[in-house]
Amino acid sequence: MTSFKSGFVNIIGLPNVGKSSLVNYLINDTLSVVNSKSQTTRQNIRGFLNGEDYQIVLVDTPGWIENPAYQLQTEMNKCVELAFEESDIILLVVDKYNQYTTEHHIIQTLNRSKAYKILAINKIDLYKQEEIQKLVDYYQDILIDTIILPISVESKIGKEKLIETIIEKLPLHPPYFNLEDWTDKNTRFFCSEMIRERIFSNYQKEIPYSTEVVIQKFKEQEDNVVIEANIFVERNSQKNILIGHNGEKIKKVSMEAREKISTFLDTKVHLYLFVKVLDNWRNRENVLKSFGYIQ
């Protein structure tokens, strides 16, 4: 494999610019939770795009949070900092709704980085041509040694050019992961993410951000899988909202998540959800460690 290329492409950006959607689009699969609400990605998630002579390790990072309100958000920002340090290629995703200044931490860190740098301007299907050019000109002025590519995940514009650019700049290296794999996350992780995605879709305000899903039991049987999951919230009032009147809300989440997991696993699924209160868990270091947010 002397001509084989492999490397880490860490995807950086503010919340809700389309980083997770871009990763899912590039690998043609659902790696990360995608939702109209911001801050759905809480940790670095790797997905692999494998070819005959290359392996692109795409790393979806949490959206950068300017003023973290909880230790959880501080740990999410640390994931972004780590991504800057451990990149062969840094892919910064922006759109016209989230424009950086030269003083922004991400821009300053990006300009100091020795990694190869790509800026993807997403959602260009929503722009006029002069808006696209204005953004390209603006970022050419404030970024150092960065190639700029306009794209649209929603309208499937620019994928081939982006992948070509990434492959061109990958270092010569054997594959880091098995070429038959598409991620390094296990099945339990994806099941918990599918439950969490349904929570983000069904609840408003603080509820989605106050919840954590932990798979307690995952039992594969001959023709079905039994899954038990705890949904942790921070207060009794949140528990009551999550469950809903006569349990109707949590039943809806369970039904929708069960359907998604069943499709993912290609088998019948029995899903049991239990809502529990874990006071102030987003600020408790020992809890964040147990949930895998602190190593």
Protein backbone atom coordinates (compact mmCIF):
# COMPACT_ATOMS: atom_id res chain seq x y z
CA MET A 1 0.00 0.00 0.00
CA THR A 2 2.86 2.39 -0.77
CA SER A 3 0.52 4.70 -2.70
CA PHE A 4 -2.38 4.41 -0.25
CA LYS A 5 -3.59 7.64 1.35
CA SER A 6 -5.27 7.97 4.72
CA GLY A 7 -5.88 10.78 7.16
CA PHE A 8 -8.13 12.57 9.61
CA VAL A 9 -10.43 15.30 8.31
CA ASN A 10 -11.83 17.12 11.31
CA ILE A 11 -14.98 19.12 10.63
CA ILE A 12 -15.24 22.34 12.64
CA GLY A 13 -17.87 25.07 12.88
CA LEU A 14 -20.54 26.84 14.87
CA PRO A 15 -23.75 25.01 15.84
CA ASN A 16 -26.30 24.44 13.09
CA VAL A 17 -24.14 25.21 10.03
CA GLY A 18 -24.60 21.67 8.67
CA LYS A 19 -21.51 19.79 9.86
CA SER A 20 -23.38 16.60 10.76
CA SER A 21 -25.45 16.75 7.59
CA LEU A 22 -22.24 17.12 5.58
CA VAL A 23 -20.65 14.05 7.20
CA ASN A 24 -23.78 11.98 6.62
CA TYR A 25 -23.88 13.20 3.01
CA LEU A 26 -20.22 12.38 2.33
CA ILE A 27 -20.36 8.84 3.71
CA ASN A 28 -23.87 8.16 2.36
CA ASP A 29 -25.10 7.05 5.77
CA THR A 30 -26.46 8.42 9.05
CA LEU A 31 -23.50 8.84 11.37
CA SER A 32 -24.60 11.85 13.42
CA VAL A 33 -27.84 13.22 14.80
CA VAL A 34 -29.23 15.87 12.46
CA ASN A 35 -31.84 18.27 13.79
CA SER A 36 -32.88 21.88 13.28
CA LYS A 37 -31.98 22.56 16.90
CA SER A 38 -28.36 23.49 17.59
CA GLN A 39 -25.83 21.57 19.72
CA THR A 40 -27.10 18.11 18.81
CA THR A 41 -23.58 16.69 18.43
CA ARG A 42 -21.93 16.34 21.85
CA GLN A 43 -18.68 14.50 21.09
CA ASN A 44 -16.33 13.75 18.22
CA ILE A 45 -17.81 11.05 15.96
CA ARG A 46 -15.77 9.32 13.25
CA GLY A 47 -17.05 8.08 9.94
CA PHE A 48 -14.98 6.51 7.16
CA LEU A 49 -15.12 7.13 3.43
CA ASN A 50 -13.18 4.25 1.87
CA GLY A 51 -11.88 3.93 -1.68
CA GLU A 52 -9.51 1.59 -3.48
CA ASP A 53 -6.47 3.68 -2.60
CA TYR A 54 -7.67 5.97 0.19
CA GLN A 55 -9.44 6.17 3.53
CA ILE A 56 -10.89 9.49 4.67
CA VAL A 57 -11.57 9.54 8.41
CA LEU A 58 -14.24 12.22 8.80
CA VAL A 59 -14.62 13.55 12.34
CA ASP A 60 -17.86 15.32 13.19
CA THR A 61 -17.21 17.67 16.11
CA PRO A 62 -19.63 19.55 18.39
CA GLY A 63 -20.53 23.09 17.37
CA TRP A 64 -18.28 25.65 19.05
CA ILE A 65 -20.07 27.36 21.97
CA GLU A 66 -18.97 30.92 22.65
CA ASN A 67 -19.91 31.10 26.33
CA PRO A 68 -20.36 27.61 27.83
CA ALA A 69 -23.08 27.56 30.48
CA TYR A 70 -22.39 24.03 31.73
CA GLN A 71 -19.34 21.82 32.17
CA LEU A 72 -20.82 19.59 29.46
CA GLN A 73 -20.52 22.48 26.99
CA THR A 74 -16.95 23.13 28.15
CA GLU A 75 -16.13 19.49 27.42
CA MET A 76 -17.80 19.83 24.00
CA ASN A 77 -15.49 22.76 23.23
CA LYS A 78 -12.52 20.63 24.29
CA CYS A 79 -13.53 18.14 21.59
CA VAL A 80 -13.17 20.95 19.06
CA GLU A 81 -9.78 21.99 20.44
CA LEU A 82 -8.62 18.37 20.22
CA ALA A 83 -9.80 18.22 16.61
CA PHE A 84 -7.57 21.18 15.76
CA GLU A 85 -4.57 19.39 17.26
CA GLU A 86 -5.17 15.98 15.66
CA SER A 87 -5.99 16.90 12.07
CA ASP A 88 -4.37 16.12 8.75
CA ILE A 89 -7.02 18.34 7.19
CA ILE A 90 -9.29 20.83 8.94
CA LEU A 91 -12.62 21.42 7.22
CA LEU A 92 -14.33 24.56 8.51
CA VAL A 93 -18.04 24.77 7.62
CA VAL A 94 -19.73 28.17 7.50
CA ASP A 95 -22.86 29.74 6.06
CA LYS A 96 -24.04 33.31 5.52
CA TYR A 97 -25.96 33.28 8.80
CA ASN A 98 -22.83 32.70 10.94
CA GLN A 99 -20.03 34.97 9.75
CA TYR A 100 -16.73 35.00 11.66
CA THR A 101 -14.54 37.96 12.47
CA THR A 102 -10.74 37.89 12.41
CA GLU A 103 -10.78 37.96 16.24
CA HIS A 104 -12.88 34.81 16.55
CA HIS A 105 -11.15 31.95 18.36
CA ILE A 106 -11.82 29.48 15.54
CA ILE A 107 -10.34 31.76 12.87
CA GLN A 108 -7.26 32.53 14.95
CA THR A 109 -6.73 28.86 15.80
CA LEU A 110 -7.27 27.83 12.19
CA ASN A 111 -4.72 30.36 10.93
CA ARG A 112 -2.13 29.03 13.41
CA SER A 113 -2.70 25.42 12.42
CA LYS A 114 -0.12 23.53 10.34
CA ALA A 115 -2.82 21.22 8.93
CA TYR A 116 -4.14 21.59 5.40
CA LYS A 117 -7.26 23.79 5.54
CA ILE A 118 -10.51 23.81 3.59
CA LEU A 119 -13.42 26.19 4.06
CA ALA A 120 -16.81 24.89 2.92
CA ILE A 121 -19.46 27.58 2.48
CA ASN A 122 -22.66 25.58 2.96
CA LYS A 123 -26.28 26.25 1.94
CA ILE A 124 -25.33 28.12 -1.25
CA ASP A 125 -28.67 27.08 -2.73
CA LEU A 126 -30.14 29.79 -0.48
CA TYR A 127 -27.79 32.54 -1.76
CA LYS A 128 -27.71 34.87 -4.69
CA GLN A 129 -24.54 34.54 -6.79
CA GLU A 130 -23.22 37.89 -5.57
CA GLU A 131 -23.67 36.73 -1.95
CA ILE A 132 -21.54 33.66 -2.60
CA GLN A 133 -18.76 35.72 -4.18
CA LYS A 134 -18.91 38.23 -1.34
CA LEU A 135 -18.41 35.44 1.21
CA VAL A 136 -15.58 33.89 -0.81
CA ASP A 137 -13.82 37.27 -1.00
CA TYR A 138 -14.36 37.92 2.69
CA TYR A 139 -12.88 34.61 3.85
CA GLN A 140 -10.00 34.85 1.39
CA ASP A 141 -9.04 38.05 3.22
CA ILE A 142 -9.15 36.66 6.76
CA LEU A 143 -7.90 33.08 6.28
CA ILE A 144 -4.34 31.95 5.62
CA ASP A 145 -3.57 29.18 3.08
CA THR A 146 -7.16 27.93 2.93
CA ILE A 147 -8.97 26.61 -0.12
CA ILE A 148 -12.59 27.80 -0.31
CA LEU A 149 -15.34 25.62 -1.78
CA PRO A 150 -19.02 26.64 -2.02
CA ILE A 151 -21.31 23.65 -1.37
CA SER A 152 -24.88 22.71 -0.56
CA VAL A 153 -25.61 19.50 1.28
CA GLU A 154 -29.36 20.00 0.84
CA SER A 155 -29.12 20.48 -2.93
CA LYS A 156 -26.18 18.08 -3.39
CA ILE A 157 -23.81 20.68 -4.83
CA GLY A 158 -20.02 20.43 -4.58
CA LYS A 159 -19.63 16.94 -3.10
CA GLU A 160 -17.34 15.57 -5.82
CA LYS A 161 -15.03 18.60 -5.77
CA LEU A 162 -14.80 18.50 -1.98
CA ILE A 163 -13.93 14.80 -1.93
CA GLU A 164 -11.37 15.26 -4.74
CA THR A 165 -9.71 18.10 -2.80
CA ILE A 166 -9.57 16.04 0.39
CA ILE A 167 -8.08 12.99 -1.36
CA GLU A 168 -5.49 15.15 -3.10
CA LYS A 169 -4.25 16.51 0.23
CA LEU A 170 -4.34 13.27 2.24
CA PRO A 171 -0.92 12.04 3.37
CA LEU A 172 0.49 8.72 2.22
CA HIS A 173 -0.42 6.33 5.01
CA PRO A 174 -1.94 2.85 5.42
CA PRO A 175 -5.61 2.81 6.44
CA TYR A 176 -6.21 3.57 10.11
CA PHE A 177 -9.32 1.40 10.25
CA ASN A 178 -10.67 -1.71 8.55
CA LEU A 179 -11.75 -0.82 5.02
CA GLU A 180 -14.99 -2.74 5.54
CA ASP A 181 -16.01 -0.48 8.44
CA TRP A 182 -17.77 2.87 8.19
CA THR A 183 -17.34 4.07 11.79
CA ASP A 184 -15.56 3.20 15.03
CA LYS A 185 -18.72 3.62 17.12
CA ASN A 186 -20.61 0.55 18.34
CA THR A 187 -24.26 -0.38 17.86
CA ARG A 188 -25.26 0.76 21.36
CA PHE A 189 -24.01 4.25 20.57
CA PHE A 190 -26.18 4.55 17.47
CA CYS A 191 -29.24 3.20 19.27
CA SER A 192 -28.81 5.79 22.03
CA GLU A 193 -28.34 8.53 19.41
CA MET A 194 -31.55 7.52 17.63
CA ILE A 195 -33.47 7.80 20.90
CA ARG A 196 -31.85 11.17 21.61
CA GLU A 197 -32.70 12.38 18.10
CA ARG A 198 -36.38 11.59 18.70
CA ILE A 199 -36.23 13.59 21.95
CA PHE A 200 -34.78 16.57 20.07
CA SER A 201 -37.57 16.29 17.51
CA ASN A 202 -40.45 15.96 19.98
CA TYR A 203 -39.58 18.47 22.72
CA GLN A 204 -38.86 22.19 22.88
CA LYS A 205 -36.75 24.63 24.86
CA GLU A 206 -34.44 23.11 27.48
CA ILE A 207 -35.74 19.52 27.55
CA PRO A 208 -33.57 18.09 24.72
CA TYR A 209 -30.41 19.67 26.13
CA SER A 210 -31.11 18.40 29.64
CA THR A 211 -31.37 14.76 28.61
CA GLU A 212 -28.81 11.99 28.27
CA VAL A 213 -29.59 8.52 26.96
CA VAL A 214 -27.74 5.47 28.29
CA ILE A 215 -28.34 1.95 26.97
CA GLN A 216 -28.57 -0.35 29.99
CA LYS A 217 -29.41 -3.58 28.18
CA PHE A 218 -28.84 -4.73 24.63
CA LYS A 219 -29.79 -8.37 24.14
CA GLU A 220 -29.75 -9.98 20.71
CA GLN A 221 -32.16 -12.88 20.43
CA GLU A 222 -32.98 -15.24 17.57
CA ASP A 223 -35.42 -12.96 15.75
CA ASN A 224 -35.40 -9.71 17.77
CA VAL A 225 -33.35 -7.38 19.94
CA VAL A 226 -34.35 -6.24 23.43
CA ILE A 227 -33.12 -2.77 24.42
CA GLU A 228 -33.54 -1.02 27.75
CA ALA A 229 -32.45 2.60 28.00
CA ASN A 230 -32.37 5.18 30.76
CA ILE A 231 -33.17 8.78 29.85
CA PHE A 232 -31.62 11.07 32.44
CA VAL A 233 -32.96 14.57 33.13
CA GLU A 234 -31.97 17.14 35.74
CA ARG A 235 -35.26 17.92 37.48
CA ASN A 236 -38.59 16.29 38.32
CA SER A 237 -40.40 18.94 36.27
CA GLN A 238 -38.40 17.86 33.21
CA LYS A 239 -39.23 14.23 33.92
CA ASN A 240 -42.94 15.06 33.99
CA ILE A 241 -42.72 16.95 30.68
CA LEU A 242 -40.73 14.14 29.06
CA ILE A 243 -43.25 11.49 30.13
CA GLY A 244 -46.30 13.61 29.33
CA HIS A 245 -49.94 13.13 30.32
CA ASN A 246 -50.61 9.43 30.90
CA GLY A 247 -47.20 8.69 29.39
CA GLU A 248 -48.30 9.74 25.90
CA LYS A 249 -45.17 11.76 25.06
CA ILE A 250 -42.65 9.11 26.04
CA LYS A 251 -44.72 6.45 24.25
CA LYS A 252 -44.44 8.51 21.06
CA VAL A 253 -40.66 8.82 21.47
CA SER A 254 -40.39 5.09 22.13
CA MET A 255 -42.47 4.16 19.09
CA GLU A 256 -40.55 6.46 16.72
CA ALA A 257 -37.15 5.42 18.09
CA ARG A 258 -38.09 1.74 17.92
CA GLU A 259 -38.97 2.09 14.23
CA LYS A 260 -35.67 3.80 13.44
CA ILE A 261 -33.61 1.29 15.42
CA SER A 262 -35.49 -1.64 13.86
CA THR A 263 -34.66 -0.34 10.39
CA PHE A 264 -31.04 0.25 11.41
CA LEU A 265 -30.65 -3.26 12.87
CA ASP A 266 -32.90 -4.89 10.26
CA THR A 267 -34.77 -6.87 12.91
CA LYS A 268 -37.71 -6.54 15.30
CA VAL A 269 -36.90 -4.41 18.34
CA HIS A 270 -38.43 -4.33 21.82
CA LEU A 271 -37.53 -0.95 23.30
CA TYR A 272 -38.12 0.01 26.94
CA LEU A 273 -37.42 3.58 28.08
CA PHE A 274 -37.07 4.66 31.72
CA VAL A 275 -36.93 8.34 32.69
CA LYS A 276 -34.76 9.13 35.72
CA VAL A 277 -33.67 12.32 37.48
CA LEU A 278 -29.95 12.95 37.87
CA ASP A 279 -29.66 16.36 39.48
CA ASN A 280 -27.49 18.90 37.65
CA TRP A 281 -25.73 16.15 35.67
CA ARG A 282 -24.34 18.59 33.06
CA ASN A 283 -22.11 20.17 35.74
CA ARG A 284 -21.00 17.02 37.58
CA GLU A 285 -17.55 15.80 36.58
CA ASN A 286 -18.02 12.24 37.83
CA VAL A 287 -21.27 11.88 35.87
CA LEU A 288 -19.76 13.37 32.72
CA LYS A 289 -16.93 10.85 33.03
CA SER A 290 -19.38 7.98 33.37
CA PHE A 291 -21.20 9.22 30.25
CA GLY A 292 -17.92 9.34 28.32
CA TYR A 293 -17.61 13.11 27.94
CA ILE A 294 -14.43 13.29 30.04
CA GLN A 295 -11.63 10.80 29.44
